Amino acid sequence: MALIQHGSVSGTSAVRLSFSSSVSPPSSSPPPSRVSLQFQSEKKSCCRRMICRAMVQDAVQGIPSVYAREMERLSAKESLILAFNDSGGFEALVTGKITDMQKIDVNERITTLERLNPTPRPTTSPYLEGRWSFEWFGSNTPGSLAVRVIFERFPSTLVSLSSMEIVIKDNNTMATANIKLLNSIENKIILSSKLTIEGPLRMKEEYLEGMLESPTVIEEAVPDQLRGLLGQASTTLQQLPEPIKDTLANGLRIPLGGTYQRFFMISYLDDEILIVRDTAGVPEVLTRVETSSSMSSSSVVENLEYNS
C-alpha cells in the first residue's frame, strides 16, 4: 500500500513536472522601453522625410520639363511666322507666286507647332472668339475658292485680294474678303455662317448668307484716264430706280440657308494662332487681329447680324 501510494505520488509528480516543463504558461511581455519608442518614432519620421523628398524632387524635375516644352512651342511659332514671311506672305499665296519648296517648308513647320498644342479642348475655349486674319490656306478651303472665283473672272492686273479676315463670336462667324479693283475701287465679299460643336476638336460650319458690299471708290487713286468713265458711271447710277439704288447701296445679299456646310478640326489654338484642318487634312493658319473682349459691343452687333 505504501508502495502504491509512493508510486502514485511519484507518477503524479512526474506528470506535473512533465507538463510544467513542456507547456509553460503565457507570460505578459514587458512594456517597450523609452529607447524603443524613440527609435520607432524616428523611423516613421525618416520615412515621411524620404517620401516628401521624393515628391519635391519629382516636382522640381517637372518644372524644367514644362519650361522646355513652352520654349519649344514659342520657338515653333516664331519659326512658322518666319516661314510665312520668307515665302512672300499672303500676297504670294493668293497670286500663286509661292514655290513648292516654300509650301513644304511651311507645312512642315505647321505640323511641328500642332504637336505642341496647349489647348486640349479648343472648340469650347474662349481663345477661339475674336477677329482672325488668314495667313495660309490650301487648295480646297473656302479661302482658295474665293481666290479662284475672283481671279477666274478678272485678270490679276485689274483685281487683287488684299486680305481675308474672320470674326468668331457666340458660335457665329463672318468671313470678309477685301478686294481692290484697279487699285482704286475697294469692295468686300462677306460670308456669314454658324458653327456647331461636334467634339473637343471638331466643328461643323453651315453657311447662312453671302453678301457683296457696295464698292468704295478711292478718288485720289483713280488713274486720270479713268476719271471720265467714273463720272459717267456715277451719273448712270443716280438715274437708276430707287429700289435698285437701295440694293446697290446696301449690298447684294444671297441667302444660303445652310445649304452648304463643311466639317473641320482645330489642331492648334492659343492666344495668337489658330490652325484648322478640313476633312481632307488641308490646313488653314490664322493669326489674331484682336480679341473678342477688346471689341466694342457696337462693333460686335454691327459685324455679326445673322438671320436665324
C-alpha atoms as a PDB file:
ATOM      1  CA  MET A   1       0.000   0.000   0.000  1.00  0.00           C
ATOM      2  CA  ALA A   2       2.854   2.230   0.807  1.00  0.00           C
ATOM      3  CA  LEU A   3       4.481   1.258  -2.451  1.00  0.00           C
ATOM      4  CA  ILE A   4       1.332   2.004  -4.407  1.00  0.00           C
ATOM      5  CA  GLN A   5       0.888   5.292  -2.618  1.00  0.00           C
ATOM      6  CA  HIS A   6       4.504   6.108  -3.186  1.00  0.00           C
ATOM      7  CA  GLY A   7       4.182   5.110  -6.873  1.00  0.00           C
ATOM      8  CA  SER A   8       1.062   7.179  -7.425  1.00  0.00           C
ATOM      9  CA  VAL A   9       2.609  10.145  -5.824  1.00  0.00           C
ATOM     10  CA  SER A  10       5.692   9.732  -7.941  1.00  0.00           C
ATOM     11  CA  GLY A  11       3.580   9.331 -11.111  1.00  0.00           C
ATOM     12  CA  THR A  12       1.547  12.374 -10.329  1.00  0.00           C
ATOM     13  CA  SER A  13       4.629  14.375  -9.657  1.00  0.00           C
ATOM     14  CA  ALA A  14       6.172  13.140 -12.867  1.00  0.00           C
ATOM     15  CA  VAL A  15       3.140  14.149 -14.880  1.00  0.00           C
ATOM     16  CA  ARG A  16       3.046  17.535 -13.160  1.00  0.00           C
ATOM     17  CA  LEU A  17       6.735  18.075 -13.770  1.00  0.00           C
ATOM     18  CA  SER A  18       6.471  16.944 -17.391  1.00  0.00           C
ATOM     19  CA  PHE A  19       3.558  19.314 -18.050  1.00  0.00           C
ATOM     20  CA  SER A  20       5.325  22.179 -16.377  1.00  0.00           C
ATOM     21  CA  SER A  21       8.458  21.697 -18.455  1.00  0.00           C
ATOM     22  CA  SER A  22       6.745  21.176 -21.850  1.00  0.00           C
ATOM     23  CA  VAL A  23       3.997  23.863 -21.750  1.00  0.00           C
ATOM     24  CA  SER A  24       4.906  26.960 -19.893  1.00  0.00           C
ATOM     25  CA  PRO A  25       2.046  29.345 -19.115  1.00  0.00           C
ATOM     26  CA  PRO A  26       1.887  32.569 -21.182  1.00  0.00           C
ATOM     27  CA  SER A  27       3.598  35.493 -19.649  1.00  0.00           C
ATOM     28  CA  SER A  28       2.912  39.163 -20.424  1.00  0.00           C
ATOM     29  CA  SER A  29       5.695  40.901 -22.455  1.00  0.00           C
ATOM     30  CA  PRO A  30       7.417  43.748 -20.734  1.00  0.00           C
ATOM     31  CA  PRO A  31       6.351  47.255 -21.843  1.00  0.00           C
ATOM     32  CA  PRO A  32       8.524  48.851 -24.581  1.00  0.00           C
ATOM     33  CA  SER A  33      11.306  50.918 -23.257  1.00  0.00           C
ATOM     34  CA  ARG A  34      11.692  54.640 -23.931  1.00  0.00           C
ATOM     35  CA  VAL A  35      14.591  53.919 -26.315  1.00  0.00           C
ATOM     36  CA  SER A  36      12.407  51.560 -28.369  1.00  0.00           C
ATOM     37  CA  LEU A  37       9.604  54.132 -28.685  1.00  0.00           C
ATOM     38  CA  GLN A  38      12.060  56.833 -29.713  1.00  0.00           C
ATOM     39  CA  PHE A  39      13.561  54.538 -32.371  1.00  0.00           C
ATOM     40  CA  GLN A  40      10.121  53.764 -33.853  1.00  0.00           C
ATOM     41  CA  SER A  41       9.235  57.481 -33.930  1.00  0.00           C
ATOM     42  CA  GLU A  42      12.485  58.370 -35.653  1.00  0.00           C
ATOM     43  CA  LYS A  43      11.922  55.565 -38.179  1.00  0.00           C
ATOM     44  CA  LYS A  44       8.460  56.890 -39.104  1.00  0.00           C
ATOM     45  CA  SER A  45       9.770  60.457 -39.337  1.00  0.00           C
ATOM     46  CA  CYS A  46      12.586  59.303 -41.595  1.00  0.00           C
ATOM     47  CA  CYS A  47      10.097  57.533 -43.908  1.00  0.00           C
ATOM     48  CA  ARG A  48       7.953  60.678 -44.119  1.00  0.00           C
ATOM     49  CA  ARG A  49      11.013  62.774 -44.945  1.00  0.00           C
ATOM     50  CA  MET A  50      12.007  60.333 -47.708  1.00  0.00           C
ATOM     51  CA  ILE A  51       8.501  60.445 -49.228  1.00  0.00           C
ATOM     52  CA  CYS A  52       8.383  64.256 -49.108  1.00  0.00           C
ATOM     53  CA  ARG A  53      11.877  64.491 -50.599  1.00  0.00           C
ATOM     54  CA  ALA A  54      10.842  62.205 -53.474  1.00  0.00           C
ATOM     55  CA  MET A  55       7.722  64.306 -54.136  1.00  0.00           C
ATOM     56  CA  VAL A  56       9.746  67.538 -54.145  1.00  0.00           C
ATOM     57  CA  GLN A  57      12.331  66.027 -56.486  1.00  0.00           C
ATOM     58  CA  ASP A  58       9.576  64.944 -58.916  1.00  0.00           C
ATOM     59  CA  ALA A  59       8.071  68.447 -58.834  1.00  0.00           C
ATOM     60  CA  VAL A  60      11.435  70.118 -59.325  1.00  0.00           C
ATOM     61  CA  GLN A  61      12.263  67.792 -62.194  1.00  0.00           C
ATOM     62  CA  GLY A  62       8.849  68.581 -63.790  1.00  0.00           C
ATOM     63  CA  ILE A  63       9.408  72.352 -63.783  1.00  0.00           C
ATOM     64  CA  PRO A  64      12.293  72.278 -66.298  1.00  0.00           C
ATOM     65  CA  SER A  65      10.283  69.878 -68.473  1.00  0.00           C
ATOM     66  CA  VAL A  66       7.284  72.232 -68.640  1.00  0.00           C
ATOM     67  CA  TYR A  67       9.552  75.219 -69.220  1.00  0.00           C
ATOM     68  CA  ALA A  68      11.428  73.419 -72.007  1.00  0.00           C
ATOM     69  CA  ARG A  69       8.164  72.463 -73.752  1.00  0.00           C
ATOM     70  CA  GLU A  70       6.921  76.052 -73.567  1.00  0.00           C
ATOM     71  CA  MET A  71      10.175  77.346 -75.010  1.00  0.00           C
ATOM     72  CA  GLU A  72       9.897  74.778 -77.799  1.00  0.00           C
ATOM     73  CA  ARG A  73       6.339  75.930 -78.564  1.00  0.00           C
ATOM     74  CA  LEU A  74       7.288  79.613 -78.710  1.00  0.00           C
ATOM     75  CA  SER A  75      10.230  78.786 -80.951  1.00  0.00           C
ATOM     76  CA  ALA A  76       7.962  76.781 -83.276  1.00  0.00           C
ATOM     77  CA  LYS A  77       5.529  79.728 -83.513  1.00  0.00           C
ATOM     78  CA  GLU A  78       8.301  82.130 -84.419  1.00  0.00           C
ATOM     79  CA  SER A  79       9.668  79.669 -86.960  1.00  0.00           C
ATOM     80  CA  LEU A  80       6.253  79.363 -88.649  1.00  0.00           C
ATOM     81  CA  ILE A  81       5.798  83.143 -88.894  1.00  0.00           C
ATOM     82  CA  LEU A  82       9.283  83.493 -90.382  1.00  0.00           C
ATOM     83  CA  ALA A  83       8.394  80.814 -92.951  1.00  0.00           C
ATOM     84  CA  PHE A  84       5.303  82.832 -93.942  1.00  0.00           C
ATOM     85  CA  ASN A  85       7.407  85.950 -94.432  1.00  0.00           C
ATOM     86  CA  ASP A  86      10.122  84.127 -96.367  1.00  0.00           C
ATOM     87  CA  SER A  87       7.539  82.676 -98.755  1.00  0.00           C
ATOM     88  CA  GLY A  88       6.160  86.109 -99.629  1.00  0.00           C
ATOM     89  CA  GLY A  89       3.200  86.152 -97.248  1.00  0.00           C
ATOM     90  CA  PHE A  90      -0.465  86.353 -98.122  1.00  0.00           C
ATOM     91  CA  GLU A  91       0.096  88.167-101.434  1.00  0.00           C
ATOM     92  CA  ALA A  92       2.397  85.448-102.793  1.00  0.00           C
ATOM     93  CA  LEU A  93      -0.058  82.772-101.673  1.00  0.00           C
ATOM     94  CA  VAL A  94      -3.115  84.247-103.444  1.00  0.00           C
ATOM     95  CA  THR A  95      -1.233  85.137-106.623  1.00  0.00           C
ATOM     96  CA  GLY A  96       0.399  81.711-106.907  1.00  0.00           C
ATOM     97  CA  LYS A  97       3.963  83.048-106.663  1.00  0.00           C
ATOM     98  CA  ILE A  98       4.949  80.650-103.886  1.00  0.00           C
ATOM     99  CA  THR A  99       7.225  77.704-104.744  1.00  0.00           C
ATOM    100  CA  ASP A 100       6.771  74.038-103.884  1.00  0.00           C
ATOM    101  CA  MET A 101       9.825  74.184-101.628  1.00  0.00           C
ATOM    102  CA  GLN A 102       8.281  77.069 -99.691  1.00  0.00           C
ATOM    103  CA  LYS A 103       4.971  75.202 -99.428  1.00  0.00           C
ATOM    104  CA  ILE A 104       6.542  72.067 -97.966  1.00  0.00           C
ATOM    105  CA  ASP A 105       8.634  74.168 -95.602  1.00  0.00           C
ATOM    106  CA  VAL A 106       5.545  75.962 -94.261  1.00  0.00           C
ATOM    107  CA  ASN A 107       3.594  72.699 -93.925  1.00  0.00           C
ATOM    108  CA  GLU A 108       6.453  71.096 -92.023  1.00  0.00           C
ATOM    109  CA  ARG A 109       6.500  73.952 -89.530  1.00  0.00           C
ATOM    110  CA  ILE A 110       2.703  73.771 -89.207  1.00  0.00           C
ATOM    111  CA  THR A 111       2.845  70.104 -88.153  1.00  0.00           C
ATOM    112  CA  THR A 112       5.662  70.888 -85.696  1.00  0.00           C
ATOM    113  CA  LEU A 113       3.535  73.543 -83.991  1.00  0.00           C
ATOM    114  CA  GLU A 114       0.406  71.357 -83.959  1.00  0.00           C
ATOM    115  CA  ARG A 115       2.293  68.740 -81.948  1.00  0.00           C
ATOM    116  CA  LEU A 116       2.718  71.350 -79.178  1.00  0.00           C
ATOM    117  CA  ASN A 117      -0.938  72.437 -78.996  1.00  0.00           C
ATOM    118  CA  PRO A 118      -1.516  73.898 -75.495  1.00  0.00           C
ATOM    119  CA  THR A 119      -5.340  73.831 -75.665  1.00  0.00           C
ATOM    120  CA  PRO A 120      -6.843  70.324 -75.205  1.00  0.00           C
ATOM    121  CA  ARG A 121     -10.462  71.401 -75.922  1.00  0.00           C
ATOM    122  CA  PRO A 122     -10.228  74.267 -78.424  1.00  0.00           C
ATOM    123  CA  THR A 123     -13.864  74.149 -79.568  1.00  0.00           C
ATOM    124  CA  THR A 124     -15.018  75.434 -76.166  1.00  0.00           C
ATOM    125  CA  SER A 125     -12.009  77.634 -75.415  1.00  0.00           C
ATOM    126  CA  PRO A 126     -12.517  81.407 -75.009  1.00  0.00           C
ATOM    127  CA  TYR A 127      -9.401  81.852 -77.163  1.00  0.00           C
ATOM    128  CA  LEU A 128     -11.456  80.866 -80.211  1.00  0.00           C
ATOM    129  CA  GLU A 129     -13.514  84.048 -80.235  1.00  0.00           C
ATOM    130  CA  GLY A 130     -12.160  87.233 -81.782  1.00  0.00           C
ATOM    131  CA  ARG A 131     -11.005  88.625 -85.118  1.00  0.00           C
ATOM    132  CA  TRP A 132      -8.566  86.479 -87.107  1.00  0.00           C
ATOM    133  CA  SER A 133      -6.596  87.128 -90.278  1.00  0.00           C
ATOM    134  CA  PHE A 134      -5.883  84.356 -92.803  1.00  0.00           C
ATOM    135  CA  GLU A 135      -2.175  83.708 -93.324  1.00  0.00           C
ATOM    136  CA  TRP A 136      -2.261  80.333 -95.064  1.00  0.00           C
ATOM    137  CA  PHE A 137      -4.848  78.127 -96.733  1.00  0.00           C
ATOM    138  CA  GLY A 138      -4.806  75.106 -99.019  1.00  0.00           C
ATOM    139  CA  SER A 139      -6.374  74.291-102.352  1.00  0.00           C
ATOM    140  CA  ASN A 140      -9.787  73.089-101.123  1.00  0.00           C
ATOM    141  CA  THR A 141     -10.560  75.626 -98.412  1.00  0.00           C
ATOM    142  CA  PRO A 142     -13.149  78.449 -98.621  1.00  0.00           C
ATOM    143  CA  GLY A 143     -10.279  80.922 -98.909  1.00  0.00           C
ATOM    144  CA  SER A 144      -8.875  79.243-102.005  1.00  0.00           C
ATOM    145  CA  LEU A 145     -12.377  79.015-103.525  1.00  0.00           C
ATOM    146  CA  ALA A 146     -12.836  82.771-103.092  1.00  0.00           C
ATOM    147  CA  VAL A 147      -9.466  83.388-104.742  1.00  0.00           C
ATOM    148  CA  ARG A 148     -10.345  81.144-107.701  1.00  0.00           C
ATOM    149  CA  VAL A 149     -13.723  82.820-108.213  1.00  0.00           C
ATOM    150  CA  ILE A 150     -12.102  86.255-108.256  1.00  0.00           C
ATOM    151  CA  PHE A 151      -9.128  85.509-110.488  1.00  0.00           C
ATOM    152  CA  GLU A 152     -11.066  83.333-112.941  1.00  0.00           C
ATOM    153  CA  ARG A 153     -13.293  86.311-113.750  1.00  0.00           C
ATOM    154  CA  PHE A 154     -10.781  89.138-113.550  1.00  0.00           C
ATOM    155  CA  PRO A 155      -7.104  89.268-114.524  1.00  0.00           C
ATOM    156  CA  SER A 156      -4.659  89.860-111.693  1.00  0.00           C
ATOM    157  CA  THR A 157      -3.683  93.196-113.243  1.00  0.00           C
ATOM    158  CA  LEU A 158      -7.207  94.512-112.597  1.00  0.00           C
ATOM    159  CA  VAL A 159      -8.163  92.898-109.303  1.00  0.00           C
ATOM    160  CA  SER A 160      -6.269  91.941-106.155  1.00  0.00           C
ATOM    161  CA  LEU A 161      -7.237  90.214-102.929  1.00  0.00           C
ATOM    162  CA  SER A 162      -5.587  92.313-100.226  1.00  0.00           C
ATOM    163  CA  SER A 163      -6.656  90.370 -97.132  1.00  0.00           C
ATOM    164  CA  MET A 164      -9.115  87.893 -95.656  1.00  0.00           C
ATOM    165  CA  GLU A 165     -10.439  88.039 -92.112  1.00  0.00           C
ATOM    166  CA  ILE A 166     -12.981  86.205 -89.979  1.00  0.00           C
ATOM    167  CA  VAL A 167     -14.816  87.256 -86.828  1.00  0.00           C
ATOM    168  CA  ILE A 168     -15.910  84.476 -84.449  1.00  0.00           C
ATOM    169  CA  LYS A 169     -18.468  85.298 -81.763  1.00  0.00           C
ATOM    170  CA  ASP A 170     -21.060  83.132 -79.960  1.00  0.00           C
ATOM    171  CA  ASN A 171     -20.609  80.247 -82.452  1.00  0.00           C
ATOM    172  CA  ASN A 172     -21.275  82.578 -85.389  1.00  0.00           C
ATOM    173  CA  THR A 173     -18.717  83.707 -87.943  1.00  0.00           C
ATOM    174  CA  MET A 174     -18.375  86.443 -90.526  1.00  0.00           C
ATOM    175  CA  ALA A 175     -15.617  85.965 -93.106  1.00  0.00           C
ATOM    176  CA  THR A 176     -14.598  89.004 -95.180  1.00  0.00           C
ATOM    177  CA  ALA A 177     -12.522  89.105 -98.368  1.00  0.00           C
ATOM    178  CA  ASN A 178     -11.172  92.587 -99.113  1.00  0.00           C
ATOM    179  CA  ILE A 179     -10.805  93.184-102.854  1.00  0.00           C
ATOM    180  CA  LYS A 180      -9.318  96.048-104.848  1.00  0.00           C
ATOM    181  CA  LEU A 181     -10.219  96.814-108.474  1.00  0.00           C
ATOM    182  CA  LEU A 182      -7.698  98.871-110.477  1.00  0.00           C
ATOM    183  CA  ASN A 183      -6.084  99.679-107.132  1.00  0.00           C
ATOM    184  CA  SER A 184      -8.706 102.388-106.658  1.00  0.00           C
ATOM    185  CA  ILE A 185     -12.052 100.665-106.013  1.00  0.00           C
ATOM    186  CA  GLU A 186     -12.438  98.721-102.769  1.00  0.00           C
ATOM    187  CA  ASN A 187     -15.048  96.035-102.344  1.00  0.00           C
ATOM    188  CA  LYS A 188     -15.885  93.351 -99.804  1.00  0.00           C
ATOM    189  CA  ILE A 189     -17.327  89.856-100.133  1.00  0.00           C
ATOM    190  CA  ILE A 190     -18.833  88.731 -96.829  1.00  0.00           C
ATOM    191  CA  LEU A 191     -19.850  85.196 -95.912  1.00  0.00           C
ATOM    192  CA  SER A 192     -21.705  84.535 -92.653  1.00  0.00           C
ATOM    193  CA  SER A 193     -22.005  81.082 -91.115  1.00  0.00           C
ATOM    194  CA  LYS A 194     -22.983  79.209 -87.972  1.00  0.00           C
ATOM    195  CA  LEU A 195     -20.687  76.891 -86.003  1.00  0.00           C
ATOM    196  CA  THR A 196     -21.805  73.731 -84.213  1.00  0.00           C
ATOM    197  CA  ILE A 197     -19.547  71.935 -81.734  1.00  0.00           C
ATOM    198  CA  GLU A 198     -19.162  68.261 -82.683  1.00  0.00           C
ATOM    199  CA  GLY A 199     -16.483  67.339 -80.146  1.00  0.00           C
ATOM    200  CA  PRO A 200     -13.448  68.705 -78.302  1.00  0.00           C
ATOM    201  CA  LEU A 201     -11.642  69.287 -81.635  1.00  0.00           C
ATOM    202  CA  ARG A 202     -14.294  69.010 -84.352  1.00  0.00           C
ATOM    203  CA  MET A 203     -16.845  71.603 -85.528  1.00  0.00           C
ATOM    204  CA  LYS A 204     -19.434  71.928 -88.277  1.00  0.00           C
ATOM    205  CA  GLU A 205     -19.795  75.155 -90.259  1.00  0.00           C
ATOM    206  CA  GLU A 206     -23.087  75.982 -92.030  1.00  0.00           C
ATOM    207  CA  TYR A 207     -23.105  78.920 -94.438  1.00  0.00           C
ATOM    208  CA  LEU A 208     -26.077  81.222 -93.937  1.00  0.00           C
ATOM    209  CA  GLU A 209     -25.630  84.216 -96.229  1.00  0.00           C
ATOM    210  CA  GLY A 210     -23.276  85.751 -98.751  1.00  0.00           C
ATOM    211  CA  MET A 211     -23.119  89.470 -99.419  1.00  0.00           C
ATOM    212  CA  LEU A 212     -21.368  91.673-101.981  1.00  0.00           C
ATOM    213  CA  GLU A 213     -20.967  95.121-100.482  1.00  0.00           C
ATOM    214  CA  SER A 214     -21.325  98.304-102.498  1.00  0.00           C
ATOM    215  CA  PRO A 215     -17.883  99.332-103.789  1.00  0.00           C
ATOM    216  CA  THR A 216     -15.999 102.272-102.311  1.00  0.00           C
ATOM    217  CA  VAL A 217     -14.074 104.452-104.755  1.00  0.00           C
ATOM    218  CA  ILE A 218     -10.755 105.982-103.706  1.00  0.00           C
ATOM    219  CA  GLU A 219     -10.913 109.049-105.959  1.00  0.00           C
ATOM    220  CA  GLU A 220      -7.313 110.148-105.438  1.00  0.00           C
ATOM    221  CA  ALA A 221      -6.132 106.694-106.557  1.00  0.00           C
ATOM    222  CA  VAL A 222      -8.202 106.625-109.774  1.00  0.00           C
ATOM    223  CA  PRO A 223      -5.995 106.963-112.891  1.00  0.00           C
ATOM    224  CA  ASP A 224      -6.557 110.102-114.955  1.00  0.00           C
ATOM    225  CA  GLN A 225      -7.689 108.110-117.990  1.00  0.00           C
ATOM    226  CA  LEU A 226     -10.481 106.543-115.943  1.00  0.00           C
ATOM    227  CA  ARG A 227     -11.825 109.626-114.220  1.00  0.00           C
ATOM    228  CA  GLY A 228     -14.179 110.363-117.115  1.00  0.00           C
ATOM    229  CA  LEU A 229     -15.584 106.836-117.063  1.00  0.00           C
ATOM    230  CA  LEU A 230     -16.025 107.059-113.304  1.00  0.00           C
ATOM    231  CA  GLY A 231     -18.029 110.269-113.660  1.00  0.00           C
ATOM    232  CA  GLN A 232     -20.256 108.687-116.294  1.00  0.00           C
ATOM    233  CA  ALA A 233     -20.841 105.626-114.096  1.00  0.00           C
ATOM    234  CA  SER A 234     -21.812 107.825-111.136  1.00  0.00           C
ATOM    235  CA  THR A 235     -24.289 109.731-113.304  1.00  0.00           C
ATOM    236  CA  THR A 236     -25.814 106.477-114.569  1.00  0.00           C
ATOM    237  CA  LEU A 237     -26.237 105.155-111.035  1.00  0.00           C
ATOM    238  CA  GLN A 238     -28.068 108.279-109.974  1.00  0.00           C
ATOM    239  CA  GLN A 239     -30.599 107.750-112.765  1.00  0.00           C
ATOM    240  CA  LEU A 240     -31.481 104.202-111.686  1.00  0.00           C
ATOM    241  CA  PRO A 241     -34.822 103.479-109.943  1.00  0.00           C
ATOM    242  CA  GLU A 242     -34.818 103.868-106.194  1.00  0.00           C
ATOM    243  CA  PRO A 243     -35.186 100.126-105.358  1.00  0.00           C
ATOM    244  CA  ILE A 244     -32.137  99.303-107.476  1.00  0.00           C
ATOM    245  CA  LYS A 245     -30.152 102.162-105.985  1.00  0.00           C
ATOM    246  CA  ASP A 246     -31.044 100.970-102.488  1.00  0.00           C
ATOM    247  CA  THR A 247     -29.956  97.450-103.361  1.00  0.00           C
ATOM    248  CA  LEU A 248     -26.630  98.657-104.691  1.00  0.00           C
ATOM    249  CA  ALA A 249     -26.121 100.947-101.713  1.00  0.00           C
ATOM    250  CA  ASN A 250     -26.885  98.231 -99.139  1.00  0.00           C
ATOM    251  CA  GLY A 251     -25.069  95.479-100.986  1.00  0.00           C
ATOM    252  CA  LEU A 252     -26.259  92.390-102.785  1.00  0.00           C
ATOM    253  CA  ARG A 253     -27.324  89.651-100.346  1.00  0.00           C
ATOM    254  CA  ILE A 254     -27.530  85.997-101.322  1.00  0.00           C
ATOM    255  CA  PRO A 255     -29.337  83.788 -98.762  1.00  0.00           C
ATOM    256  CA  LEU A 256     -27.769  80.344 -98.451  1.00  0.00           C
ATOM    257  CA  GLY A 257     -29.971  78.917 -95.703  1.00  0.00           C
ATOM    258  CA  GLY A 258     -27.452  76.347 -94.535  1.00  0.00           C
ATOM    259  CA  THR A 259     -27.359  74.684 -97.959  1.00  0.00           C
ATOM    260  CA  TYR A 260     -23.582  74.485 -97.856  1.00  0.00           C
ATOM    261  CA  GLN A 261     -21.638  73.155 -94.920  1.00  0.00           C
ATOM    262  CA  ARG A 262     -18.266  71.708 -94.033  1.00  0.00           C
ATOM    263  CA  PHE A 263     -16.566  69.938 -91.131  1.00  0.00           C
ATOM    264  CA  PHE A 264     -13.196  70.937 -89.771  1.00  0.00           C
ATOM    265  CA  MET A 265     -10.897  70.134 -86.868  1.00  0.00           C
ATOM    266  CA  ILE A 266      -8.990  72.625 -84.722  1.00  0.00           C
ATOM    267  CA  SER A 267      -5.474  71.219 -84.471  1.00  0.00           C
ATOM    268  CA  TYR A 268      -3.865  74.182 -82.670  1.00  0.00           C
ATOM    269  CA  LEU A 269      -5.125  77.163 -80.674  1.00  0.00           C
ATOM    270  CA  ASP A 270      -3.542  79.733 -78.389  1.00  0.00           C
ATOM    271  CA  ASP A 271      -3.941  83.470 -77.860  1.00  0.00           C
ATOM    272  CA  GLU A 272      -2.193  84.312 -81.156  1.00  0.00           C
ATOM    273  CA  ILE A 273      -2.506  81.472 -83.687  1.00  0.00           C
ATOM    274  CA  LEU A 274      -5.388  79.274 -84.877  1.00  0.00           C
ATOM    275  CA  ILE A 275      -4.845  76.229 -87.116  1.00  0.00           C
ATOM    276  CA  VAL A 276      -7.745  74.220 -88.564  1.00  0.00           C
ATOM    277  CA  ARG A 277      -7.832  71.270 -90.949  1.00  0.00           C
ATOM    278  CA  ASP A 278     -10.698  70.246 -93.225  1.00  0.00           C
ATOM    279  CA  THR A 279     -11.856  66.695 -93.939  1.00  0.00           C
ATOM    280  CA  ALA A 280      -9.031  66.276 -96.457  1.00  0.00           C
ATOM    281  CA  GLY A 281      -6.475  67.333 -93.863  1.00  0.00           C
ATOM    282  CA  VAL A 282      -5.635  70.626 -95.606  1.00  0.00           C
ATOM    283  CA  PRO A 283      -4.532  73.276 -93.056  1.00  0.00           C
ATOM    284  CA  GLU A 284      -5.608  76.878 -92.632  1.00  0.00           C
ATOM    285  CA  VAL A 285      -3.496  79.131 -90.436  1.00  0.00           C
ATOM    286  CA  LEU A 286      -4.888  82.344 -88.937  1.00  0.00           C
ATOM    287  CA  THR A 287      -3.304  84.957 -86.688  1.00  0.00           C
ATOM    288  CA  ARG A 288      -5.255  87.013 -84.193  1.00  0.00           C
ATOM    289  CA  VAL A 289      -6.037  90.619 -85.063  1.00  0.00           C
ATOM    290  CA  GLU A 290      -7.927  91.412 -81.876  1.00  0.00           C
ATOM    291  CA  THR A 291      -9.737  89.540 -79.144  1.00  0.00           C
ATOM    292  CA  SER A 292     -13.468  89.448 -78.743  1.00  0.00           C
ATOM    293  CA  SER A 293     -13.287  91.252 -75.384  1.00  0.00           C
ATOM    294  CA  SER A 294     -11.360  94.159 -76.877  1.00  0.00           C
ATOM    295  CA  MET A 295     -14.026  94.865 -79.463  1.00  0.00           C
ATOM    296  CA  SER A 296     -16.776  97.288 -78.533  1.00  0.00           C
ATOM    297  CA  SER A 297     -20.280  95.915 -78.199  1.00  0.00           C
ATOM    298  CA  SER A 298     -21.472  98.134 -81.015  1.00  0.00           C
ATOM    299  CA  SER A 299     -18.921  96.731 -83.463  1.00  0.00           C
ATOM    300  CA  VAL A 300     -19.841  93.183 -82.483  1.00  0.00           C
ATOM    301  CA  VAL A 301     -23.517  93.829 -83.101  1.00  0.00           C
ATOM    302  CA  GLU A 302     -22.717  95.597 -86.355  1.00  0.00           C
ATOM    303  CA  ASN A 303     -20.429  92.886 -87.645  1.00  0.00           C
ATOM    304  CA  LEU A 304     -22.477  89.901 -86.528  1.00  0.00           C
ATOM    305  CA  GLU A 305     -26.062  90.313 -87.663  1.00  0.00           C
ATOM    306  CA  TYR A 306     -27.348  86.903 -88.679  1.00  0.00           C
ATOM    307  CA  ASN A 307     -30.711  85.732 -89.884  1.00  0.00           C
ATOM    308  CA  SER A 308     -31.970  82.838 -87.795  1.00  0.00           C
END
